[in-house]
C-alpha atoms as a PDB file:
ATOM      1  CA  MET A   1     120.574-138.258 -90.230  1.00  0.00           C
ATOM      2  CA  GLU A   2     123.162-140.553 -91.970  1.00  0.00           C
ATOM      3  CA  ASN A   3     121.414-142.347 -94.801  1.00  0.00           C
ATOM      4  CA  THR A   4     122.177-145.869 -93.186  1.00  0.00           C
ATOM      5  CA  ILE A   5     120.092-148.941 -94.091  1.00  0.00           C
ATOM      6  CA  ILE A   6     118.507-148.536 -90.727  1.00  0.00           C
ATOM      7  CA  ALA A   7     117.227-145.143 -91.540  1.00  0.00           C
ATOM      8  CA  LYS A   8     115.968-146.275 -94.976  1.00  0.00           C
ATOM      9  CA  TYR A   9     113.944-149.140 -93.386  1.00  0.00           C
ATOM     10  CA  PHE A  10     112.354-146.803 -90.803  1.00  0.00           C
ATOM     11  CA  GLU A  11     111.581-144.301 -93.519  1.00  0.00           C
ATOM     12  CA  THR A  12     109.874-147.247 -95.655  1.00  0.00           C
ATOM     13  CA  VAL A  13     107.901-148.267 -92.697  1.00  0.00           C
ATOM     14  CA  ARG A  14     106.645-144.698 -91.959  1.00  0.00           C
ATOM     15  CA  GLN A  15     105.691-144.308 -95.780  1.00  0.00           C
ATOM     16  CA  ALA A  16     103.875-147.652 -95.665  1.00  0.00           C
ATOM     17  CA  LEU A  17     102.007-146.740 -92.518  1.00  0.00           C
ATOM     18  CA  GLN A  18     100.993-143.499 -93.878  1.00  0.00           C
ATOM     19  CA  LYS A  19      99.663-145.119 -97.060  1.00  0.00           C
ATOM     20  CA  VAL A  20      97.535-147.651 -95.139  1.00  0.00           C
ATOM     21  CA  GLU A  21      96.242-145.056 -92.893  1.00  0.00           C
ATOM     22  CA  GLN A  22      95.140-142.818 -96.059  1.00  0.00           C
ATOM     23  CA  THR A  23      93.836-145.708 -98.245  1.00  0.00           C
ATOM     24  CA  GLN A  24      92.505-148.238 -95.548  1.00  0.00           C
ATOM     25  CA  SER A  25      90.979-146.154 -92.598  1.00  0.00           C
ATOM     26  CA  LEU A  26      87.559-146.322 -94.202  1.00  0.00           C
ATOM     27  CA  ALA A  27      87.559-150.098 -94.370  1.00  0.00           C
ATOM     28  CA  VAL A  28      88.939-150.465 -90.978  1.00  0.00           C
ATOM     29  CA  GLN A  29      86.138-148.288 -89.487  1.00  0.00           C
ATOM     30  CA  GLN A  30      83.517-150.252 -91.553  1.00  0.00           C
ATOM     31  CA  ALA A  31      84.898-153.461 -90.077  1.00  0.00           C
ATOM     32  CA  ALA A  32      85.070-152.047 -86.688  1.00  0.00           C
ATOM     33  CA  GLN A  33      81.492-150.733 -86.653  1.00  0.00           C
ATOM     34  CA  LEU A  34      80.046-154.101 -87.796  1.00  0.00           C
ATOM     35  CA  THR A  35      82.142-155.895 -85.396  1.00  0.00           C
ATOM     36  CA  ALA A  36      81.244-153.646 -82.472  1.00  0.00           C
ATOM     37  CA  GLN A  37      77.490-154.413 -83.277  1.00  0.00           C
ATOM     38  CA  ARG A  38      78.320-158.243 -83.164  1.00  0.00           C
ATOM     39  CA  LEU A  39      79.929-157.880 -80.027  1.00  0.00           C
ATOM     40  CA  ILE A  40      77.229-155.814 -78.258  1.00  0.00           C
ATOM     41  CA  ALA A  41      74.887-158.652 -79.419  1.00  0.00           C
ATOM     42  CA  GLY A  42      76.917-161.172 -77.459  1.00  0.00           C
ATOM     43  CA  ASN A  43      78.927-162.556 -80.337  1.00  0.00           C
ATOM     44  CA  ILE A  44      82.684-163.232 -80.475  1.00  0.00           C
ATOM     45  CA  LEU A  45      85.687-161.999 -82.788  1.00  0.00           C
ATOM     46  CA  HIS A  46      87.711-164.907 -84.185  1.00  0.00           C
ATOM     47  CA  VAL A  47      91.154-164.243 -85.711  1.00  0.00           C
ATOM     48  CA  PHE A  48      92.900-166.786 -88.011  1.00  0.00           C
ATOM     49  CA  GLY A  49      96.136-166.796 -89.829  1.00  0.00           C
ATOM     50  CA  THR A  50      98.814-169.351 -90.981  1.00  0.00           C
ATOM     51  CA  GLY A  51     102.676-169.102 -90.891  1.00  0.00           C
ATOM     52  CA  HIS A  52     103.640-165.678 -89.746  1.00  0.00           C
ATOM     53  CA  SER A  53     100.025-164.350 -90.147  1.00  0.00           C
ATOM     54  CA  HIS A  54      99.231-166.382 -86.997  1.00  0.00           C
ATOM     55  CA  ILE A  55     101.088-163.643 -85.143  1.00  0.00           C
ATOM     56  CA  LEU A  56      98.372-161.244 -85.700  1.00  0.00           C
ATOM     57  CA  ALA A  57      95.851-163.518 -84.071  1.00  0.00           C
ATOM     58  CA  GLU A  58      98.032-163.626 -81.048  1.00  0.00           C
ATOM     59  CA  GLU A  59      98.725-159.827 -81.120  1.00  0.00           C
ATOM     60  CA  VAL A  60      94.923-159.175 -80.163  1.00  0.00           C
ATOM     61  CA  PHE A  61      94.287-162.214 -77.943  1.00  0.00           C
ATOM     62  CA  PHE A  62      94.497-162.018 -74.127  1.00  0.00           C
ATOM     63  CA  ARG A  63      96.205-158.582 -74.583  1.00  0.00           C
ATOM     64  CA  ALA A  64      96.478-155.807 -72.214  1.00  0.00           C
ATOM     65  CA  GLY A  65      94.583-152.903 -73.598  1.00  0.00           C
ATOM     66  CA  GLY A  66      92.597-155.409 -75.876  1.00  0.00           C
ATOM     67  CA  LEU A  67      89.099-156.886 -75.811  1.00  0.00           C
ATOM     68  CA  VAL A  68      88.151-159.876 -73.833  1.00  0.00           C
ATOM     69  CA  GLN A  69      85.972-161.076 -76.735  1.00  0.00           C
ATOM     70  CA  VAL A  70      88.684-162.192 -79.074  1.00  0.00           C
ATOM     71  CA  ASN A  71      89.322-165.987 -79.863  1.00  0.00           C
ATOM     72  CA  ALA A  72      92.715-166.632 -81.466  1.00  0.00           C
ATOM     73  CA  ILE A  73      92.523-169.615 -83.700  1.00  0.00           C
ATOM     74  CA  LEU A  74      95.941-171.266 -83.140  1.00  0.00           C
ATOM     75  CA  ASP A  75      96.618-174.619 -84.821  1.00  0.00           C
ATOM     76  CA  PRO A  76     100.270-175.653 -83.989  1.00  0.00           C
ATOM     77  CA  ALA A  77     100.831-177.239 -87.274  1.00  0.00           C
ATOM     78  CA  LEU A  78     100.109-174.101 -89.135  1.00  0.00           C
ATOM     79  CA  MET A  79     102.437-172.048 -86.976  1.00  0.00           C
ATOM     80  CA  LEU A  80     106.246-171.998 -87.281  1.00  0.00           C
ATOM     81  CA  HIS A  81     107.510-173.530 -83.979  1.00  0.00           C
ATOM     82  CA  LEU A  82     106.935-177.118 -84.926  1.00  0.00           C
ATOM     83  CA  SER A  83     108.046-177.093 -88.455  1.00  0.00           C
ATOM     84  CA  ALA A  84     108.212-174.038 -90.693  1.00  0.00           C
ATOM     85  CA  SER A  85     108.355-176.013 -93.931  1.00  0.00           C
ATOM     86  CA  LYS A  86     105.535-178.194 -92.881  1.00  0.00           C
ATOM     87  CA  SER A  87     103.375-175.260 -91.952  1.00  0.00           C
ATOM     88  CA  THR A  88     103.975-173.964 -95.557  1.00  0.00           C
ATOM     89  CA  ASP A  89     102.887-177.220 -97.001  1.00  0.00           C
ATOM     90  CA  LEU A  90      99.856-177.503 -94.798  1.00  0.00           C
ATOM     91  CA  GLU A  91      98.581-173.870 -95.572  1.00  0.00           C
ATOM     92  CA  ARG A  92      98.263-175.195 -99.316  1.00  0.00           C
ATOM     93  CA  LEU A  93      96.323-178.228 -98.190  1.00  0.00           C
ATOM     94  CA  GLU A  94      92.737-178.651 -99.303  1.00  0.00           C
ATOM     95  CA  ASN A  95      90.270-179.293 -96.621  1.00  0.00           C
ATOM     96  CA  TYR A  96      92.744-178.709 -93.706  1.00  0.00           C
ATOM     97  CA  ALA A  97      90.911-175.479 -92.722  1.00  0.00           C
ATOM     98  CA  ARG A  98      87.686-177.366 -91.789  1.00  0.00           C
ATOM     99  CA  ILE A  99      89.644-179.771 -89.703  1.00  0.00           C
ATOM    100  CA  VAL A 100      91.095-176.873 -87.756  1.00  0.00           C
ATOM    101  CA  LEU A 101      87.912-174.715 -87.541  1.00  0.00           C
ATOM    102  CA  ASP A 102      85.654-177.692 -86.480  1.00  0.00           C
ATOM    103  CA  ARG A 103      87.609-177.658 -83.059  1.00  0.00           C
ATOM    104  CA  TYR A 104      86.577-174.128 -82.218  1.00  0.00           C
ATOM    105  CA  ASP A 105      83.040-172.749 -81.290  1.00  0.00           C
ATOM    106  CA  LEU A 106      82.210-170.569 -84.272  1.00  0.00           C
ATOM    107  CA  ARG A 107      78.687-169.506 -84.367  1.00  0.00           C
ATOM    108  CA  SER A 108      76.273-167.676 -86.600  1.00  0.00           C
ATOM    109  CA  GLY A 109      76.608-163.947 -85.905  1.00  0.00           C
ATOM    110  CA  ASP A 110      80.238-164.140 -85.055  1.00  0.00           C
ATOM    111  CA  VAL A 111      82.943-162.255 -86.926  1.00  0.00           C
ATOM    112  CA  LEU A 112      85.890-164.116 -88.557  1.00  0.00           C
ATOM    113  CA  LEU A 113      89.014-162.026 -89.306  1.00  0.00           C
ATOM    114  CA  VAL A 114      91.358-164.163 -91.708  1.00  0.00           C
ATOM    115  CA  VAL A 115      94.810-162.747 -92.048  1.00  0.00           C
ATOM    116  CA  SER A 116      96.862-163.960 -95.201  1.00  0.00           C
ATOM    117  CA  ASN A 117      99.558-161.688 -96.642  1.00  0.00           C
ATOM    118  CA  SER A 118      99.129-163.259-100.064  1.00  0.00           C
ATOM    119  CA  GLY A 119      95.431-164.444 -99.749  1.00  0.00           C
ATOM    120  CA  ARG A 120      96.082-167.233-102.423  1.00  0.00           C
ATOM    121  CA  ASN A 121      96.787-170.315-100.254  1.00  0.00           C
ATOM    122  CA  ALA A 122      94.071-172.934 -99.613  1.00  0.00           C
ATOM    123  CA  VAL A 123      93.759-172.875 -95.940  1.00  0.00           C
ATOM    124  CA  PRO A 124      93.037-169.124 -95.424  1.00  0.00           C
ATOM    125  CA  ILE A 125      90.494-169.225 -98.396  1.00  0.00           C
ATOM    126  CA  GLU A 126      88.719-172.224 -96.847  1.00  0.00           C
ATOM    127  CA  ALA A 127      88.600-170.679 -93.413  1.00  0.00           C
ATOM    128  CA  ALA A 128      86.855-167.577 -95.032  1.00  0.00           C
ATOM    129  CA  LEU A 129      84.499-169.958 -96.952  1.00  0.00           C
ATOM    130  CA  TYR A 130      83.800-171.942 -93.801  1.00  0.00           C
ATOM    131  CA  GLY A 131      83.038-168.887 -91.938  1.00  0.00           C
ATOM    132  CA  ARG A 132      80.380-167.613 -94.387  1.00  0.00           C
ATOM    133  CA  GLU A 133      78.798-171.119 -94.631  1.00  0.00           C
ATOM    134  CA  HIS A 134      78.325-170.921 -90.898  1.00  0.00           C
ATOM    135  CA  GLY A 135      76.723-167.598 -90.804  1.00  0.00           C
ATOM    136  CA  LEU A 136      79.847-165.468 -89.626  1.00  0.00           C
ATOM    137  CA  HIS A 137      80.624-162.147 -91.173  1.00  0.00           C
ATOM    138  CA  VAL A 138      84.152-162.679 -92.729  1.00  0.00           C
ATOM    139  CA  ILE A 139      86.823-159.885 -92.950  1.00  0.00           C
ATOM    140  CA  ALA A 140      90.058-160.470 -94.899  1.00  0.00           C
ATOM    141  CA  MET A 141      93.361-158.650 -94.190  1.00  0.00           C
ATOM    142  CA  THR A 142      95.548-159.358 -96.956  1.00  0.00           C
ATOM    143  CA  SER A 143      97.809-157.607 -99.433  1.00  0.00           C
ATOM    144  CA  ALA A 144      95.190-157.520-101.970  1.00  0.00           C
ATOM    145  CA  SER A 145      96.552-155.140-104.586  1.00  0.00           C
ATOM    146  CA  ALA A 146     100.177-156.659-104.487  1.00  0.00           C
ATOM    147  CA  TYR A 147      99.009-160.252-105.280  1.00  0.00           C
ATOM    148  CA  ALA A 148      96.000-159.337-107.546  1.00  0.00           C
ATOM    149  CA  GLY A 149      97.764-160.789-110.618  1.00  0.00           C
ATOM    150  CA  LEU A 150      98.896-164.027-109.024  1.00  0.00           C
ATOM    151  CA  PRO A 151      96.608-167.163-109.351  1.00  0.00           C
ATOM    152  CA  SER A 152      94.869-168.771-106.525  1.00  0.00           C
ATOM    153  CA  ARG A 153      96.186-172.031-104.966  1.00  0.00           C
ATOM    154  CA  HIS A 154      92.614-173.006-104.102  1.00  0.00           C
ATOM    155  CA  PRO A 155      90.689-175.402-106.312  1.00  0.00           C
ATOM    156  CA  SER A 156      87.946-172.817-106.852  1.00  0.00           C
ATOM    157  CA  GLY A 157      90.334-170.373-108.522  1.00  0.00           C
ATOM    158  CA  LYS A 158      89.122-167.906-106.038  1.00  0.00           C
ATOM    159  CA  LYS A 159      91.348-165.761-103.528  1.00  0.00           C
ATOM    160  CA  LEU A 160      90.674-164.540-100.113  1.00  0.00           C
ATOM    161  CA  THR A 161      89.527-161.290-101.560  1.00  0.00           C
ATOM    162  CA  ASP A 162      86.799-163.083-103.635  1.00  0.00           C
ATOM    163  CA  VAL A 163      85.323-164.768-100.614  1.00  0.00           C
ATOM    164  CA  ALA A 164      85.298-162.196 -97.760  1.00  0.00           C
ATOM    165  CA  ASP A 165      82.598-159.814 -96.912  1.00  0.00           C
ATOM    166  CA  LEU A 166      84.911-156.974 -96.293  1.00  0.00           C
ATOM    167  CA  VAL A 167      88.706-156.517 -97.296  1.00  0.00           C
ATOM    168  CA  ILE A 168      91.425-154.558 -95.567  1.00  0.00           C
ATOM    169  CA  ASP A 169      94.355-154.204 -97.915  1.00  0.00           C
ATOM    170  CA  THR A 170      97.658-154.074 -95.900  1.00  0.00           C
ATOM    171  CA  CYS A 171      99.414-152.648 -98.926  1.00  0.00           C
ATOM    172  CA  VAL A 172     102.415-154.827 -98.576  1.00  0.00           C
ATOM    173  CA  PRO A 173     104.573-155.303-101.711  1.00  0.00           C
ATOM    174  CA  GLU A 174     104.637-158.546-103.451  1.00  0.00           C
ATOM    175  CA  GLY A 175     107.115-160.793-101.705  1.00  0.00           C
ATOM    176  CA  ASP A 176     106.842-158.865 -98.350  1.00  0.00           C
ATOM    177  CA  ALA A 177     110.439-157.567 -98.593  1.00  0.00           C
ATOM    178  CA  SER A 178     110.794-153.945 -99.283  1.00  0.00           C
ATOM    179  CA  LEU A 179     114.600-153.087 -99.518  1.00  0.00           C
ATOM    180  CA  SER A 180     117.417-153.799-101.879  1.00  0.00           C
ATOM    181  CA  LEU A 181     121.156-153.263-101.840  1.00  0.00           C
ATOM    182  CA  PRO A 182     123.917-153.640-104.611  1.00  0.00           C
ATOM    183  CA  GLY A 183     125.455-157.038-104.333  1.00  0.00           C
ATOM    184  CA  LEU A 184     122.322-158.915-103.147  1.00  0.00           C
ATOM    185  CA  GLU A 185     119.833-160.302-105.658  1.00  0.00           C
ATOM    186  CA  GLN A 186     117.050-160.957-103.011  1.00  0.00           C
ATOM    187  CA  ARG A 187     115.115-158.153-101.521  1.00  0.00           C
ATOM    188  CA  PHE A 188     114.813-157.904 -97.687  1.00  0.00           C
ATOM    189  CA  GLY A 189     113.152-155.909 -94.844  1.00  0.00           C
ATOM    190  CA  PRO A 190     109.750-157.355 -94.605  1.00  0.00           C
ATOM    191  CA  LEU A 191     106.671-155.208 -93.726  1.00  0.00           C
ATOM    192  CA  SER A 192     103.705-157.427 -93.305  1.00  0.00           C
ATOM    193  CA  THR A 193     103.879-157.889 -89.399  1.00  0.00           C
ATOM    194  CA  ILE A 194     104.450-154.294 -88.841  1.00  0.00           C
ATOM    195  CA  LEU A 195     101.638-153.054 -91.048  1.00  0.00           C
ATOM    196  CA  GLY A 196      99.263-155.889 -90.067  1.00  0.00           C
ATOM    197  CA  SER A 197      99.748-155.125 -86.447  1.00  0.00           C
ATOM    198  CA  ALA A 198      99.199-151.408 -86.825  1.00  0.00           C
ATOM    199  CA  LEU A 199      95.917-152.116 -88.811  1.00  0.00           C
ATOM    200  CA  ILE A 200      94.584-154.891 -86.448  1.00  0.00           C
ATOM    201  CA  GLN A 201      95.103-152.766 -83.440  1.00  0.00           C
ATOM    202  CA  ALA A 202      93.612-149.762 -85.022  1.00  0.00           C
ATOM    203  CA  TYR A 203      90.561-152.070 -85.852  1.00  0.00           C
ATOM    204  CA  ILE A 204      90.418-152.975 -82.129  1.00  0.00           C
ATOM    205  CA  CYS A 205      90.615-149.301 -81.139  1.00  0.00           C
ATOM    206  CA  ALA A 206      87.755-148.486 -83.452  1.00  0.00           C
ATOM    207  CA  ILE A 207      85.641-151.372 -82.065  1.00  0.00           C
ATOM    208  CA  ILE A 208      86.094-149.826 -78.474  1.00  0.00           C
ATOM    209  CA  GLU A 209      85.073-146.321 -79.626  1.00  0.00           C
ATOM    210  CA  THR A 210      82.148-147.633 -81.494  1.00  0.00           C
ATOM    211  CA  MET A 211      80.889-149.559 -78.421  1.00  0.00           C
ATOM    212  CA  LEU A 212      81.357-146.549 -76.242  1.00  0.00           C
ATOM    213  CA  ASN A 213      79.379-144.420 -78.827  1.00  0.00           C
ATOM    214  CA  HIS A 214      76.525-146.941 -78.474  1.00  0.00           C
ATOM    215  CA  GLN A 215      76.690-146.433 -74.658  1.00  0.00           C
ATOM    216  CA  VAL A 216      78.101-150.077 -74.187  1.00  0.00           C
ATOM    217  CA  GLN A 217      81.030-150.480 -71.908  1.00  0.00           C
ATOM    218  CA  PRO A 218      83.716-152.303 -73.705  1.00  0.00           C
ATOM    219  CA  LYS A 219      85.282-155.332 -71.886  1.00  0.00           C
ATOM    220  CA  VAL A 220      89.090-154.222 -71.898  1.00  0.00           C
ATOM    221  CA  LEU A 221      91.825-156.215 -70.260  1.00  0.00           C
ATOM    222  CA  ILE A 222      94.245-154.535 -67.976  1.00  0.00           C
ATOM    223  CA  SER A 223      97.747-155.676 -67.807  1.00  0.00           C
ATOM    224  CA  ALA A 224      98.501-158.209 -64.955  1.00  0.00           C
ATOM    225  CA  ASN A 225     102.015-156.553 -64.829  1.00  0.00           C
ATOM    226  CA  VAL A 226     100.895-153.219 -63.277  1.00  0.00           C
ATOM    227  CA  ASP A 227      99.701-152.529 -59.697  1.00  0.00           C
ATOM    228  CA  SER A 228      96.395-151.301 -60.588  1.00  0.00           C
ATOM    229  CA  GLY A 229      95.693-154.626 -62.608  1.00  0.00           C
ATOM    230  CA  GLN A 230      92.314-156.204 -61.804  1.00  0.00           C
ATOM    231  CA  ASP A 231      91.253-159.849 -61.492  1.00  0.00           C
ATOM    232  CA  HIS A 232      89.655-160.980 -64.702  1.00  0.00           C
ATOM    233  CA  SER A 233      89.046-164.437 -63.798  1.00  0.00           C
ATOM    234  CA  ALA A 234      85.205-163.786 -63.757  1.00  0.00           C
ATOM    235  CA  LEU A 235      85.391-162.570 -67.292  1.00  0.00           C
ATOM    236  CA  PHE A 236      87.497-165.546 -68.389  1.00  0.00           C
ATOM    237  CA  GLN A 237      85.065-167.972 -66.923  1.00  0.00           C
ATOM    238  CA  GLU A 238      82.097-166.046 -68.669  1.00  0.00           C
ATOM    239  CA  TYR A 239      83.725-166.571 -72.052  1.00  0.00           C
ATOM    240  CA  ARG A 240      85.848-169.840 -71.466  1.00  0.00           C
ATOM    241  CA  GLN A 241      83.252-171.893 -73.508  1.00  0.00           C
ATOM    242  CA  ARG A 242      83.584-169.721 -76.535  1.00  0.00           C
ATOM    243  CA  ILE A 243      87.311-168.784 -76.287  1.00  0.00           C
ATOM    244  CA  ARG A 244      89.336-171.906 -76.485  1.00  0.00           C
ATOM    245  CA  HIS A 245      92.685-170.776 -75.306  1.00  0.00           C
ATOM    246  CA  PHE A 246      91.874-169.056 -72.059  1.00  0.00           C
END
């Protein structure tokens, strides 16, 4: 194949996926085993991220082939469609995470997955702290190794890796961008969404397998866009109190 920038990006993605599979499969399996146990006990998996990281909360929420018991924590101000620059400012704002999470039904025994590429901004760190204070098991998905040398933006000086019960390292390079070309100072070709999506879907797959291994039937959604799709209204009604955005 001609050595185009397209080929180079795809090769970079393949190598990055291979690296996370080789280095993070154990952490993903550990996270999945614990989460499966919590779901079997009747608890909920909550997923939270700011900026582009919120995409991963939506990636596993209300998703064909995914689990019903996933609650995406989606605050419009922390997403990008209202104001990307405001979102950047807010994710560094102390105490804002509590305002957001207080609007959701988080209970002791639930699982909270906090996604943050850098793991150094105030809101994701405070979300993890909030979860632990309320008895949730907190899993961090972050580029832990790439940002290990950078300071926290939280007053405690702690980063997301310091306050989570378990860490899944996305292995995304510092600054996210992975490619360079002569004549351009800035790097380009981000990886965080691709690697994060692969990791979080592998996590969901492992949860489903673990539940089956415990002789528990997982509640998996079927696409509404296939003729064999089924009516999930009873399931949605069952979890409507716990899952805000149904």
